[in-house]
Amino acid sequence: MSFHRAAFVQRSGLAAIAAAALLLGAAAHAEVNFSIGVGGPVYEEPQPVYVNPPPVYYQPAPPVYYQPAPPVYYAPPPPPVYYRPAPGYYPPPPPVSYGPNYYQGQPQGRPRLSDMQQRALDNCSLLAPREQGRCRATVMSTTR
């Protein structure tokens, strides 16, 4: 067997490339990073410099004069209103009287009022005298 130097160098170069590829593949699987850094001059931009702006003159606002609020006057509260308390009991109905025209269908005297109608009629006396007549007429118009 003969030894060819050119063939050996070629095969050993291929073997080195294959070994490097396998090594890099294993390193990539293990999450290991390789980098080759090339140093050189690096330019960094200088920091900005703050310069105060020139002074600016603002004319002051004209003075504002306020007129005081008008005085507030309060009226005294209205006088209290007192109502007659409701009766603790209701009296029995008045006795039935059979007058001479009872059977002809003409009612005798004042008609019978319900409790609410009676209360409304009693409250008519609390109104002004000129309104009392109209109030009583309104209450009596609700009777049968």
Protein backbone atom coordinates (compact mmCIF):
# COMPACT_ATOMS: atom_id res chain seq x y z
CA MET A 1 0.00 0.00 0.00
CA SER A 2 1.40 3.28 -0.86
CA PHE A 3 1.13 6.46 1.20
CA HIS A 4 -0.04 9.52 -0.71
CA ARG A 5 0.64 12.67 1.14
CA ALA A 6 -1.85 14.81 -0.82
CA ALA A 7 -4.69 12.36 -0.25
CA PHE A 8 -3.85 12.23 3.50
CA VAL A 9 -3.98 16.00 3.87
CA GLN A 10 -7.21 16.16 1.96
CA ARG A 11 -8.87 13.46 4.07
CA SER A 12 -7.56 14.83 7.34
CA GLY A 13 -8.98 18.28 6.41
CA LEU A 14 -12.35 16.72 5.67
CA ALA A 15 -12.21 14.82 8.95
CA ALA A 16 -11.41 18.05 10.86
CA ILE A 17 -14.33 19.86 9.25
CA ALA A 18 -16.65 16.95 10.04
CA ALA A 19 -15.42 16.85 13.67
CA ALA A 20 -15.94 20.61 14.03
CA ALA A 21 -19.46 20.32 12.59
CA LEU A 22 -20.29 17.51 15.05
CA LEU A 23 -18.83 19.52 17.94
CA LEU A 24 -20.81 22.65 16.98
CA GLY A 25 -23.99 20.55 16.57
CA ALA A 26 -23.58 19.11 20.06
CA ALA A 27 -22.86 22.57 21.46
CA ALA A 28 -25.98 23.97 19.79
CA HIS A 29 -28.03 21.20 21.35
CA ALA A 30 -26.59 22.04 24.79
CA GLU A 31 -27.48 25.73 24.27
CA VAL A 32 -23.87 26.86 24.33
CA ASN A 33 -22.96 29.82 22.14
CA PHE A 34 -19.64 30.43 20.42
CA SER A 35 -18.63 33.77 19.07
CA ILE A 36 -15.56 35.15 17.47
CA GLY A 37 -14.98 38.78 18.26
CA VAL A 38 -13.02 41.06 16.06
CA GLY A 39 -11.82 44.15 17.88
CA GLY A 40 -11.66 47.50 16.24
CA PRO A 41 -12.29 51.18 16.87
CA VAL A 42 -15.81 51.94 18.10
CA TYR A 43 -17.40 55.36 17.67
CA GLU A 44 -19.74 56.52 20.44
CA GLU A 45 -21.91 59.56 19.94
CA PRO A 46 -21.37 62.29 22.58
CA GLN A 47 -24.08 62.98 25.13
CA PRO A 48 -26.41 65.89 24.33
CA VAL A 49 -25.70 69.11 26.19
CA TYR A 50 -28.58 71.13 27.70
CA VAL A 51 -28.53 74.84 26.99
CA ASN A 52 -30.90 77.19 28.77
CA PRO A 53 -33.22 79.04 26.39
CA PRO A 54 -33.06 82.82 26.35
CA PRO A 55 -35.36 84.53 28.91
CA VAL A 56 -38.83 85.36 27.73
CA TYR A 57 -40.94 88.23 29.12
CA TYR A 58 -44.63 87.66 29.65
CA GLN A 59 -46.94 90.57 30.31
CA PRO A 60 -48.82 90.02 33.58
CA ALA A 61 -52.55 89.43 33.34
CA PRO A 62 -54.76 92.43 34.06
CA PRO A 63 -56.21 92.48 37.59
CA VAL A 64 -59.68 91.00 38.00
CA TYR A 65 -62.13 92.66 40.34
CA TYR A 66 -65.08 90.63 41.60
CA GLN A 67 -68.35 92.11 42.72
CA PRO A 68 -69.47 90.67 46.05
CA ALA A 69 -72.43 88.34 45.95
CA PRO A 70 -75.79 89.91 46.76
CA PRO A 71 -76.96 89.34 50.33
CA VAL A 72 -79.26 86.40 50.91
CA TYR A 73 -82.30 86.86 53.07
CA TYR A 74 -84.13 83.93 54.56
CA ALA A 75 -87.82 84.08 55.41
CA PRO A 76 -88.96 82.60 58.71
CA PRO A 77 -90.39 79.08 58.42
CA PRO A 78 -94.14 78.80 57.98
CA PRO A 79 -96.17 78.28 61.12
CA PRO A 80 -96.75 74.67 62.13
CA VAL A 81 -99.96 72.99 61.04
CA TYR A 82 -101.90 71.00 63.58
CA TYR A 83 -104.47 68.42 62.59
CA ARG A 84 -107.18 67.10 64.76
CA PRO A 85 -106.30 63.54 65.75
CA ALA A 86 -108.43 60.76 64.33
CA PRO A 87 -111.02 59.48 66.77
CA GLY A 88 -110.03 56.41 68.77
CA TYR A 89 -113.37 54.86 68.04
CA TYR A 90 -116.16 55.34 65.55
CA PRO A 91 -119.58 56.16 66.96
CA PRO A 92 -122.46 53.89 66.05
CA PRO A 93 -124.55 54.93 63.03
CA PRO A 94 -127.40 57.35 63.71
CA PRO A 95 -130.78 55.78 64.22
CA VAL A 96 -132.84 55.31 61.13
CA SER A 97 -135.82 57.61 61.03
CA TYR A 98 -138.69 56.87 58.73
CA GLY A 99 -140.12 60.19 57.71
CA PRO A 100 -143.33 60.86 55.87
CA ASN A 101 -141.68 60.80 52.41
CA TYR A 102 -139.41 57.81 53.05
CA TYR A 103 -141.23 55.43 50.74
CA GLN A 104 -141.34 57.89 47.86
CA GLY A 105 -137.50 57.69 47.54
CA GLN A 106 -136.73 61.19 48.79
CA PRO A 107 -133.89 61.04 51.33
CA GLN A 108 -134.33 62.80 54.65
CA GLY A 109 -131.55 65.07 56.01
CA ARG A 110 -127.89 64.75 55.23
CA PRO A 111 -126.60 61.70 53.25
CA ARG A 112 -124.37 59.18 54.98
CA LEU A 113 -120.62 59.78 54.36
CA SER A 114 -117.79 57.23 54.33
CA ASP A 115 -114.86 57.63 56.73
CA MET A 116 -112.67 59.28 54.11
CA GLN A 117 -115.46 61.63 53.00
CA GLN A 118 -116.11 62.60 56.62
CA ARG A 119 -112.41 63.28 57.16
CA ALA A 120 -112.26 65.42 54.00
CA LEU A 121 -115.35 67.34 55.15
CA ASP A 122 -113.73 67.93 58.57
CA ASN A 123 -110.53 69.21 56.88
CA CYS A 124 -112.57 71.84 55.01
CA SER A 125 -112.73 73.85 58.23
CA LEU A 126 -108.93 74.24 58.14
CA LEU A 127 -109.10 76.21 54.86
CA ALA A 128 -109.62 79.93 54.42
CA PRO A 129 -113.26 80.96 54.97
CA ARG A 130 -113.80 81.84 51.30
CA GLU A 131 -112.64 78.30 50.25
CA GLN A 132 -114.69 76.33 52.77
CA GLY A 133 -117.97 76.43 50.84
CA ARG A 134 -116.42 75.12 47.65
CA CYS A 135 -114.60 72.38 49.61
CA ARG A 136 -117.83 71.20 51.26
CA ALA A 137 -119.64 71.23 47.93
CA THR A 138 -116.88 69.14 46.36
CA VAL A 139 -117.00 66.56 49.16
CA MET A 140 -120.81 66.37 49.06
CA SER A 141 -120.73 65.88 45.28
CA THR A 142 -118.94 62.55 45.81
CA THR A 143 -121.89 61.07 47.76
CA ARG A 144 -124.55 58.93 46.12
